[in-house]
Amino acid sequence: WGMKGVEDLGGGLKADFNLTSFFRTDTGSPGRYDADPFFARDANVGLAGGFGRVSLGRGMAPNFLPTILTNPFGDSFTISPLVLHANTPTTAWGGARLTTPADTGWSNMLVYTTPNFGGLTANVYYQFGEQTTPGNKSKKNVGVNALYFNGPLSLTAFYERDQITNPGSGTVMPTKSDWMVGGSYNFNVVKLYATYGQAKVKDLDSKSKTYSLGLDIPVSGTPGTVKAAVARTKYEAATDATRTTATLGYDHFLSKRDRKSVV
């Protein structure tokens, strides 16, 4: 939940703000967990025009949209194999992750978003580390992503270089680089998804390789779809390990109103 606003400044310029938060519906408690900052989802201001948009504050990290848009289970941290492999650590390899050592959102961030070029947009990210300890003052997070939508085809990609944890001002962590490419195509009778990505931790000399596949099949005569997805990660370090997660489900829409996807 939260608050958003846009002010038309004239001459094609618009100012906006976003203050949004998480809450746990089973208890009503704020945040994703007890120590989560109140506005952990968004806390930013922006200026938009023909040049695109520039924003300051907390918002989505480079990895977030490419990950949730290229799997049939979206942003579910419970049942989406790709999201689980990207964001949920496992003791099998000491808690290593594919894409988000610095959370799905970054604080203290400067973001530039390009205009839409025939369905293609890109975002450039710079998170100020705000470190004062000698030797750590240059620590920061940087990243870029690209999103392309054209009819039944969608393509996504991102790259990150992470040195600071999130949320909040963060603490210094081993430098990690992460990238992923993915896409989907809607054939109407079935929508297919695929991704491939890698993550490297420089100081630990470790590497993770992850691929995922998914599909969405509309069920004839019903307002629902069958969903299936699988993700597999191979972790290469002093001790190698693999992780495979698969999900099968049926999504049934009870509402008779038109369904629209909202990002």
C-alpha atoms as a PDB file:
ATOM      1  CA  TRP A   1       0.000   0.000   0.000  1.00  0.00           C
ATOM      2  CA  GLY A   2       1.128   3.594  -0.280  1.00  0.00           C
ATOM      3  CA  MET A   3       0.780   7.029  -1.829  1.00  0.00           C
ATOM      4  CA  LYS A   4       1.738   8.264  -5.285  1.00  0.00           C
ATOM      5  CA  GLY A   5       1.377  11.625  -6.966  1.00  0.00           C
ATOM      6  CA  VAL A   6       2.151  13.455 -10.213  1.00  0.00           C
ATOM      7  CA  GLU A   7       2.307  17.214 -10.788  1.00  0.00           C
ATOM      8  CA  ASP A   8       2.237  18.706 -14.306  1.00  0.00           C
ATOM      9  CA  LEU A   9       4.899  21.426 -14.404  1.00  0.00           C
ATOM     10  CA  GLY A  10       4.175  22.476 -17.983  1.00  0.00           C
ATOM     11  CA  GLY A  11       6.387  22.326 -21.023  1.00  0.00           C
ATOM     12  CA  GLY A  12       6.195  18.529 -21.033  1.00  0.00           C
ATOM     13  CA  LEU A  13       7.720  18.196 -17.549  1.00  0.00           C
ATOM     14  CA  LYS A  14       6.109  16.259 -14.708  1.00  0.00           C
ATOM     15  CA  ALA A  15       7.233  15.794 -11.117  1.00  0.00           C
ATOM     16  CA  ASP A  16       6.218  12.664  -9.222  1.00  0.00           C
ATOM     17  CA  PHE A  17       6.653  10.959  -5.870  1.00  0.00           C
ATOM     18  CA  ASN A  18       6.177   7.387  -4.635  1.00  0.00           C
ATOM     19  CA  LEU A  19       5.864   6.279  -0.991  1.00  0.00           C
ATOM     20  CA  THR A  20       4.815   2.630  -0.814  1.00  0.00           C
ATOM     21  CA  SER A  21       5.206  -0.050   1.819  1.00  0.00           C
ATOM     22  CA  PHE A  22       4.673  -3.749   2.508  1.00  0.00           C
ATOM     23  CA  PHE A  23       2.457  -5.300   5.167  1.00  0.00           C
ATOM     24  CA  ARG A  24       1.758  -8.874   6.211  1.00  0.00           C
ATOM     25  CA  THR A  25      -1.935  -9.568   5.787  1.00  0.00           C
ATOM     26  CA  ASP A  26      -2.022 -12.471   8.242  1.00  0.00           C
ATOM     27  CA  THR A  27      -1.016 -10.224  11.165  1.00  0.00           C
ATOM     28  CA  GLY A  28      -1.307  -6.680   9.829  1.00  0.00           C
ATOM     29  CA  SER A  29       2.337  -6.075  10.720  1.00  0.00           C
ATOM     30  CA  PRO A  30       4.217  -3.611   8.488  1.00  0.00           C
ATOM     31  CA  GLY A  31       7.142  -4.728   6.349  1.00  0.00           C
ATOM     32  CA  ARG A  32       8.187  -8.039   4.853  1.00  0.00           C
ATOM     33  CA  TYR A  33       9.837  -8.914   8.172  1.00  0.00           C
ATOM     34  CA  ASP A  34      10.168  -7.200  11.554  1.00  0.00           C
ATOM     35  CA  ALA A  35      13.324  -5.190  10.766  1.00  0.00           C
ATOM     36  CA  ASP A  36      12.136  -4.025   7.320  1.00  0.00           C
ATOM     37  CA  PRO A  37      12.094  -0.208   6.876  1.00  0.00           C
ATOM     38  CA  PHE A  38       8.569   1.219   6.709  1.00  0.00           C
ATOM     39  CA  PHE A  39       8.775   2.460   3.099  1.00  0.00           C
ATOM     40  CA  ALA A  40      10.807  -0.535   1.889  1.00  0.00           C
ATOM     41  CA  ARG A  41       9.045  -0.740  -1.485  1.00  0.00           C
ATOM     42  CA  ASP A  42       9.337   2.837  -2.778  1.00  0.00           C
ATOM     43  CA  ALA A  43      10.483   6.152  -1.335  1.00  0.00           C
ATOM     44  CA  ASN A  44      11.499   8.346  -4.249  1.00  0.00           C
ATOM     45  CA  VAL A  45      10.885  11.557  -6.176  1.00  0.00           C
ATOM     46  CA  GLY A  46      11.255  11.960  -9.929  1.00  0.00           C
ATOM     47  CA  LEU A  47      11.231  14.338 -12.868  1.00  0.00           C
ATOM     48  CA  ALA A  48       9.958  13.111 -16.242  1.00  0.00           C
ATOM     49  CA  GLY A  49       9.783  14.594 -19.732  1.00  0.00           C
ATOM     50  CA  GLY A  50      10.774  13.961 -23.315  1.00  0.00           C
ATOM     51  CA  PHE A  51      14.226  12.961 -22.082  1.00  0.00           C
ATOM     52  CA  GLY A  52      12.825  10.098 -20.004  1.00  0.00           C
ATOM     53  CA  ARG A  53      12.756  10.103 -16.195  1.00  0.00           C
ATOM     54  CA  VAL A  54      15.288  10.752 -13.438  1.00  0.00           C
ATOM     55  CA  SER A  55      14.495   9.645  -9.895  1.00  0.00           C
ATOM     56  CA  LEU A  56      16.156   9.840  -6.475  1.00  0.00           C
ATOM     57  CA  GLY A  57      15.547   7.572  -3.488  1.00  0.00           C
ATOM     58  CA  ARG A  58      14.551   3.969  -2.953  1.00  0.00           C
ATOM     59  CA  GLY A  59      13.048   1.862  -5.724  1.00  0.00           C
ATOM     60  CA  MET A  60      13.291  -1.406  -7.638  1.00  0.00           C
ATOM     61  CA  ALA A  61      16.763  -2.868  -8.158  1.00  0.00           C
ATOM     62  CA  PRO A  62      17.914  -3.701 -11.729  1.00  0.00           C
ATOM     63  CA  ASN A  63      17.170  -7.411 -11.258  1.00  0.00           C
ATOM     64  CA  PHE A  64      13.545  -7.140 -10.132  1.00  0.00           C
ATOM     65  CA  LEU A  65      11.429  -6.506 -13.236  1.00  0.00           C
ATOM     66  CA  PRO A  66      13.440  -8.806 -15.578  1.00  0.00           C
ATOM     67  CA  THR A  67      13.026 -11.620 -13.033  1.00  0.00           C
ATOM     68  CA  ILE A  68       9.290 -11.327 -12.352  1.00  0.00           C
ATOM     69  CA  LEU A  69       8.310 -10.659 -15.988  1.00  0.00           C
ATOM     70  CA  THR A  70       9.983 -13.779 -17.407  1.00  0.00           C
ATOM     71  CA  ASN A  71       8.369 -16.519 -15.343  1.00  0.00           C
ATOM     72  CA  PRO A  72       4.717 -17.660 -15.192  1.00  0.00           C
ATOM     73  CA  PHE A  73       4.441 -17.200 -11.401  1.00  0.00           C
ATOM     74  CA  GLY A  74       5.402 -13.518 -11.408  1.00  0.00           C
ATOM     75  CA  ASP A  75       6.791 -12.104  -8.163  1.00  0.00           C
ATOM     76  CA  SER A  76       5.771 -14.957  -5.855  1.00  0.00           C
ATOM     77  CA  PHE A  77       8.462 -15.586  -3.239  1.00  0.00           C
ATOM     78  CA  THR A  78       6.651 -18.801  -2.314  1.00  0.00           C
ATOM     79  CA  ILE A  79       6.027 -20.741  -5.519  1.00  0.00           C
ATOM     80  CA  SER A  80       8.018 -19.127  -8.371  1.00  0.00           C
ATOM     81  CA  PRO A  81      11.152 -21.277  -8.969  1.00  0.00           C
ATOM     82  CA  LEU A  82      13.081 -18.422 -10.609  1.00  0.00           C
ATOM     83  CA  VAL A  83      12.266 -15.950  -7.829  1.00  0.00           C
ATOM     84  CA  LEU A  84      13.217 -18.516  -5.176  1.00  0.00           C
ATOM     85  CA  HIS A  85      16.577 -19.186  -6.830  1.00  0.00           C
ATOM     86  CA  ALA A  86      17.180 -15.478  -7.340  1.00  0.00           C
ATOM     87  CA  ASN A  87      16.224 -14.241  -3.895  1.00  0.00           C
ATOM     88  CA  THR A  88      16.022 -17.048  -1.329  1.00  0.00           C
ATOM     89  CA  PRO A  89      19.279 -18.491   0.042  1.00  0.00           C
ATOM     90  CA  THR A  90      19.814 -22.182   0.633  1.00  0.00           C
ATOM     91  CA  THR A  91      22.215 -23.845   3.060  1.00  0.00           C
ATOM     92  CA  ALA A  92      23.331 -26.207   0.276  1.00  0.00           C
ATOM     93  CA  TRP A  93      25.986 -23.642  -0.690  1.00  0.00           C
ATOM     94  CA  GLY A  94      26.167 -21.303   2.271  1.00  0.00           C
ATOM     95  CA  GLY A  95      23.280 -19.079   1.278  1.00  0.00           C
ATOM     96  CA  ALA A  96      24.587 -18.048  -2.152  1.00  0.00           C
ATOM     97  CA  ARG A  97      22.052 -16.371  -4.462  1.00  0.00           C
ATOM     98  CA  LEU A  98      21.750 -15.792  -8.192  1.00  0.00           C
ATOM     99  CA  THR A  99      20.682 -12.192  -8.613  1.00  0.00           C
ATOM    100  CA  THR A 100      19.971 -10.220  -5.474  1.00  0.00           C
ATOM    101  CA  PRO A 101      22.710 -10.070  -2.858  1.00  0.00           C
ATOM    102  CA  ALA A 102      21.602  -6.463  -2.325  1.00  0.00           C
ATOM    103  CA  ASP A 103      17.812  -7.048  -2.174  1.00  0.00           C
ATOM    104  CA  THR A 104      15.150  -6.510  -4.859  1.00  0.00           C
ATOM    105  CA  GLY A 105      15.106  -2.805  -3.954  1.00  0.00           C
ATOM    106  CA  TRP A 106      17.959  -0.324  -3.540  1.00  0.00           C
ATOM    107  CA  SER A 107      18.068   2.731  -1.277  1.00  0.00           C
ATOM    108  CA  ASN A 108      19.898   6.066  -1.796  1.00  0.00           C
ATOM    109  CA  MET A 109      19.703   5.501  -5.538  1.00  0.00           C
ATOM    110  CA  LEU A 110      19.860   7.588  -8.701  1.00  0.00           C
ATOM    111  CA  VAL A 111      17.971   6.086 -11.680  1.00  0.00           C
ATOM    112  CA  TYR A 112      17.675   7.242 -15.271  1.00  0.00           C
ATOM    113  CA  THR A 113      14.900   5.732 -17.431  1.00  0.00           C
ATOM    114  CA  THR A 114      15.015   6.225 -21.202  1.00  0.00           C
ATOM    115  CA  PRO A 115      11.989   7.122 -23.330  1.00  0.00           C
ATOM    116  CA  ASN A 116      10.207   4.226 -25.018  1.00  0.00           C
ATOM    117  CA  PHE A 117      11.853   3.420 -28.362  1.00  0.00           C
ATOM    118  CA  GLY A 118       9.386   1.184 -30.229  1.00  0.00           C
ATOM    119  CA  GLY A 119       8.761  -1.004 -27.187  1.00  0.00           C
ATOM    120  CA  LEU A 120      12.324  -0.819 -25.783  1.00  0.00           C
ATOM    121  CA  THR A 121      13.176   0.965 -22.535  1.00  0.00           C
ATOM    122  CA  ALA A 122      16.319   0.881 -20.415  1.00  0.00           C
ATOM    123  CA  ASN A 123      17.163   1.901 -16.854  1.00  0.00           C
ATOM    124  CA  VAL A 124      20.572   2.889 -15.464  1.00  0.00           C
ATOM    125  CA  TYR A 125      21.112   2.594 -11.682  1.00  0.00           C
ATOM    126  CA  TYR A 126      23.652   4.050  -9.247  1.00  0.00           C
ATOM    127  CA  GLN A 127      23.342   3.429  -5.506  1.00  0.00           C
ATOM    128  CA  PHE A 128      25.481   5.611  -3.256  1.00  0.00           C
ATOM    129  CA  GLY A 129      27.215   3.407  -0.700  1.00  0.00           C
ATOM    130  CA  GLU A 130      27.397   6.123   1.989  1.00  0.00           C
ATOM    131  CA  GLN A 131      30.415   4.416   3.561  1.00  0.00           C
ATOM    132  CA  THR A 132      32.770   6.478   5.749  1.00  0.00           C
ATOM    133  CA  THR A 133      35.325   3.838   6.757  1.00  0.00           C
ATOM    134  CA  PRO A 134      38.730   4.358   5.050  1.00  0.00           C
ATOM    135  CA  GLY A 135      39.046   1.945   2.157  1.00  0.00           C
ATOM    136  CA  ASN A 136      35.264   1.591   1.797  1.00  0.00           C
ATOM    137  CA  LYS A 137      34.337   5.116   0.704  1.00  0.00           C
ATOM    138  CA  SER A 138      34.198   4.115  -2.971  1.00  0.00           C
ATOM    139  CA  LYS A 139      31.893   1.122  -2.385  1.00  0.00           C
ATOM    140  CA  LYS A 140      28.618   1.324  -4.312  1.00  0.00           C
ATOM    141  CA  ASN A 141      26.094  -0.629  -6.381  1.00  0.00           C
ATOM    142  CA  VAL A 142      25.638  -0.060 -10.112  1.00  0.00           C
ATOM    143  CA  GLY A 143      23.424  -1.725 -12.690  1.00  0.00           C
ATOM    144  CA  VAL A 144      21.415  -1.535 -15.888  1.00  0.00           C
ATOM    145  CA  ASN A 145      18.420  -3.334 -17.335  1.00  0.00           C
ATOM    146  CA  ALA A 146      16.481  -3.370 -20.608  1.00  0.00           C
ATOM    147  CA  LEU A 147      12.861  -4.326 -21.301  1.00  0.00           C
ATOM    148  CA  TYR A 148      11.364  -4.942 -24.743  1.00  0.00           C
ATOM    149  CA  PHE A 149       7.669  -5.574 -25.475  1.00  0.00           C
ATOM    150  CA  ASN A 150       6.273  -6.056 -28.968  1.00  0.00           C
ATOM    151  CA  GLY A 151       2.997  -7.940 -29.324  1.00  0.00           C
ATOM    152  CA  PRO A 152       3.432 -11.545 -28.180  1.00  0.00           C
ATOM    153  CA  LEU A 153       7.214 -11.142 -27.688  1.00  0.00           C
ATOM    154  CA  SER A 154       8.925  -9.799 -24.582  1.00  0.00           C
ATOM    155  CA  LEU A 155      12.662  -9.720 -23.844  1.00  0.00           C
ATOM    156  CA  THR A 156      14.475  -8.687 -20.674  1.00  0.00           C
ATOM    157  CA  ALA A 157      18.060  -8.404 -19.458  1.00  0.00           C
ATOM    158  CA  PHE A 158      19.975  -6.943 -16.539  1.00  0.00           C
ATOM    159  CA  TYR A 159      23.493  -6.548 -15.140  1.00  0.00           C
ATOM    160  CA  GLU A 160      24.533  -5.616 -11.591  1.00  0.00           C
ATOM    161  CA  ARG A 161      27.776  -5.054  -9.710  1.00  0.00           C
ATOM    162  CA  ASP A 162      26.996  -5.124  -5.998  1.00  0.00           C
ATOM    163  CA  GLN A 163      29.181  -4.057  -3.075  1.00  0.00           C
ATOM    164  CA  ILE A 164      26.569  -2.796  -0.568  1.00  0.00           C
ATOM    165  CA  THR A 165      23.744  -4.706   1.120  1.00  0.00           C
ATOM    166  CA  ASN A 166      20.163  -3.438   1.355  1.00  0.00           C
ATOM    167  CA  PRO A 167      17.757  -2.155   2.560  1.00  0.00           C
ATOM    168  CA  GLY A 168      18.845   1.013   4.309  1.00  0.00           C
ATOM    169  CA  SER A 169      22.319   2.529   3.920  1.00  0.00           C
ATOM    170  CA  GLY A 170      23.748  -0.994   3.813  1.00  0.00           C
ATOM    171  CA  THR A 171      27.025  -2.575   4.814  1.00  0.00           C
ATOM    172  CA  VAL A 172      30.000  -3.608   2.691  1.00  0.00           C
ATOM    173  CA  MET A 173      29.914  -7.141   1.266  1.00  0.00           C
ATOM    174  CA  PRO A 174      32.181  -9.132  -1.101  1.00  0.00           C
ATOM    175  CA  THR A 175      31.906  -7.714  -4.627  1.00  0.00           C
ATOM    176  CA  LYS A 176      29.388  -9.687  -6.672  1.00  0.00           C
ATOM    177  CA  SER A 177      28.445  -9.357 -10.339  1.00  0.00           C
ATOM    178  CA  ASP A 178      25.154 -10.714 -11.668  1.00  0.00           C
ATOM    179  CA  TRP A 179      23.465 -10.845 -15.051  1.00  0.00           C
ATOM    180  CA  MET A 180      20.482 -12.519 -16.659  1.00  0.00           C
ATOM    181  CA  VAL A 181      18.735 -12.591 -20.032  1.00  0.00           C
ATOM    182  CA  GLY A 182      15.220 -13.866 -20.573  1.00  0.00           C
ATOM    183  CA  GLY A 183      12.105 -13.697 -22.643  1.00  0.00           C
ATOM    184  CA  SER A 184       8.630 -14.970 -23.322  1.00  0.00           C
ATOM    185  CA  TYR A 185       6.435 -15.555 -26.376  1.00  0.00           C
ATOM    186  CA  ASN A 186       2.656 -15.900 -26.378  1.00  0.00           C
ATOM    187  CA  PHE A 187       1.444 -18.389 -28.990  1.00  0.00           C
ATOM    188  CA  ASN A 188      -2.131 -17.964 -27.613  1.00  0.00           C
ATOM    189  CA  VAL A 189      -2.466 -21.722 -27.071  1.00  0.00           C
ATOM    190  CA  VAL A 190       0.602 -21.553 -24.813  1.00  0.00           C
ATOM    191  CA  LYS A 191       2.931 -18.859 -23.494  1.00  0.00           C
ATOM    192  CA  LEU A 192       6.556 -19.933 -23.087  1.00  0.00           C
ATOM    193  CA  TYR A 193       9.225 -18.426 -20.797  1.00  0.00           C
ATOM    194  CA  ALA A 194      12.995 -18.932 -20.606  1.00  0.00           C
ATOM    195  CA  THR A 195      15.919 -17.310 -18.740  1.00  0.00           C
ATOM    196  CA  TYR A 196      19.637 -17.828 -18.219  1.00  0.00           C
ATOM    197  CA  GLY A 197      21.901 -16.003 -15.778  1.00  0.00           C
ATOM    198  CA  GLN A 198      25.171 -16.081 -13.881  1.00  0.00           C
ATOM    199  CA  ALA A 199      26.520 -14.642 -10.642  1.00  0.00           C
ATOM    200  CA  LYS A 200      30.140 -14.375  -9.486  1.00  0.00           C
ATOM    201  CA  VAL A 201      31.591 -13.500  -6.082  1.00  0.00           C
ATOM    202  CA  LYS A 202      35.074 -12.140  -6.704  1.00  0.00           C
ATOM    203  CA  ASP A 203      36.614 -12.618  -3.245  1.00  0.00           C
ATOM    204  CA  LEU A 204      35.185 -16.116  -2.791  1.00  0.00           C
ATOM    205  CA  ASP A 205      36.032 -17.345  -6.290  1.00  0.00           C
ATOM    206  CA  SER A 206      32.525 -18.773  -6.703  1.00  0.00           C
ATOM    207  CA  LYS A 207      30.071 -18.845  -9.592  1.00  0.00           C
ATOM    208  CA  SER A 208      26.371 -19.666  -9.942  1.00  0.00           C
ATOM    209  CA  LYS A 209      24.697 -20.551 -13.247  1.00  0.00           C
ATOM    210  CA  THR A 210      20.899 -20.615 -13.388  1.00  0.00           C
ATOM    211  CA  TYR A 211      18.406 -21.356 -16.130  1.00  0.00           C
ATOM    212  CA  SER A 212      14.630 -21.513 -15.966  1.00  0.00           C
ATOM    213  CA  LEU A 213      11.790 -22.626 -18.229  1.00  0.00           C
ATOM    214  CA  GLY A 214       8.066 -22.009 -17.849  1.00  0.00           C
ATOM    215  CA  LEU A 215       4.720 -22.133 -19.599  1.00  0.00           C
ATOM    216  CA  ASP A 216       1.182 -20.811 -19.300  1.00  0.00           C
ATOM    217  CA  ILE A 217      -1.624 -22.822 -20.972  1.00  0.00           C
ATOM    218  CA  PRO A 218      -5.171 -21.384 -21.123  1.00  0.00           C
ATOM    219  CA  VAL A 219      -7.773 -24.035 -20.238  1.00  0.00           C
ATOM    220  CA  SER A 220     -10.515 -24.126 -22.876  1.00  0.00           C
ATOM    221  CA  GLY A 221     -13.949 -23.309 -21.532  1.00  0.00           C
ATOM    222  CA  THR A 222     -12.653 -21.931 -18.230  1.00  0.00           C
ATOM    223  CA  PRO A 223     -11.302 -18.538 -17.105  1.00  0.00           C
ATOM    224  CA  GLY A 224      -8.083 -20.140 -15.923  1.00  0.00           C
ATOM    225  CA  THR A 225      -4.612 -21.263 -16.935  1.00  0.00           C
ATOM    226  CA  VAL A 226      -2.301 -24.145 -16.108  1.00  0.00           C
ATOM    227  CA  LYS A 227       1.137 -22.923 -15.073  1.00  0.00           C
ATOM    228  CA  ALA A 228       4.409 -24.835 -14.845  1.00  0.00           C
ATOM    229  CA  ALA A 229       7.982 -23.741 -14.230  1.00  0.00           C
ATOM    230  CA  VAL A 230      11.377 -25.166 -13.334  1.00  0.00           C
ATOM    231  CA  ALA A 231      14.655 -23.506 -12.331  1.00  0.00           C
ATOM    232  CA  ARG A 232      18.053 -25.144 -11.921  1.00  0.00           C
ATOM    233  CA  THR A 233      21.160 -23.583 -10.395  1.00  0.00           C
ATOM    234  CA  LYS A 234      24.678 -25.004 -10.455  1.00  0.00           C
ATOM    235  CA  TYR A 235      27.003 -23.529  -7.841  1.00  0.00           C
ATOM    236  CA  GLU A 236      30.718 -23.828  -8.580  1.00  0.00           C
ATOM    237  CA  ALA A 237      33.191 -23.258  -5.731  1.00  0.00           C
ATOM    238  CA  ALA A 238      35.414 -25.332  -3.444  1.00  0.00           C
ATOM    239  CA  THR A 239      32.414 -27.656  -3.103  1.00  0.00           C
ATOM    240  CA  ASP A 240      30.014 -27.776  -6.036  1.00  0.00           C
ATOM    241  CA  ALA A 241      26.263 -28.072  -5.534  1.00  0.00           C
ATOM    242  CA  THR A 242      23.060 -27.974  -7.574  1.00  0.00           C
ATOM    243  CA  ARG A 243      19.536 -26.851  -6.786  1.00  0.00           C
ATOM    244  CA  THR A 244      16.406 -27.688  -8.805  1.00  0.00           C
ATOM    245  CA  THR A 245      12.918 -26.348  -8.068  1.00  0.00           C
ATOM    246  CA  ALA A 246       9.710 -27.063 -10.009  1.00  0.00           C
ATOM    247  CA  THR A 247       6.148 -25.797  -9.595  1.00  0.00           C
ATOM    248  CA  LEU A 248       2.873 -26.891 -11.205  1.00  0.00           C
ATOM    249  CA  GLY A 249      -0.333 -24.948 -10.628  1.00  0.00           C
ATOM    250  CA  TYR A 250      -3.719 -23.851 -11.882  1.00  0.00           C
ATOM    251  CA  ASP A 251      -4.728 -20.180 -11.797  1.00  0.00           C
ATOM    252  CA  HIS A 252      -8.507 -19.668 -11.810  1.00  0.00           C
ATOM    253  CA  PHE A 253     -10.054 -16.209 -12.154  1.00  0.00           C
ATOM    254  CA  LEU A 254     -13.255 -15.811 -10.145  1.00  0.00           C
ATOM    255  CA  SER A 255     -13.983 -12.253 -11.260  1.00  0.00           C
ATOM    256  CA  LYS A 256     -16.012 -11.737 -14.449  1.00  0.00           C
ATOM    257  CA  ARG A 257     -14.345  -8.396 -15.137  1.00  0.00           C
ATOM    258  CA  ASP A 258     -11.672  -8.043 -17.800  1.00  0.00           C
ATOM    259  CA  ARG A 259      -8.243  -9.141 -16.580  1.00  0.00           C
ATOM    260  CA  LYS A 260      -5.265  -6.844 -17.088  1.00  0.00           C
ATOM    261  CA  SER A 261      -1.634  -7.251 -16.122  1.00  0.00           C
ATOM    262  CA  VAL A 262      -0.249  -4.416 -14.038  1.00  0.00           C
ATOM    263  CA  VAL A 263       3.435  -3.825 -13.264  1.00  0.00           C
END
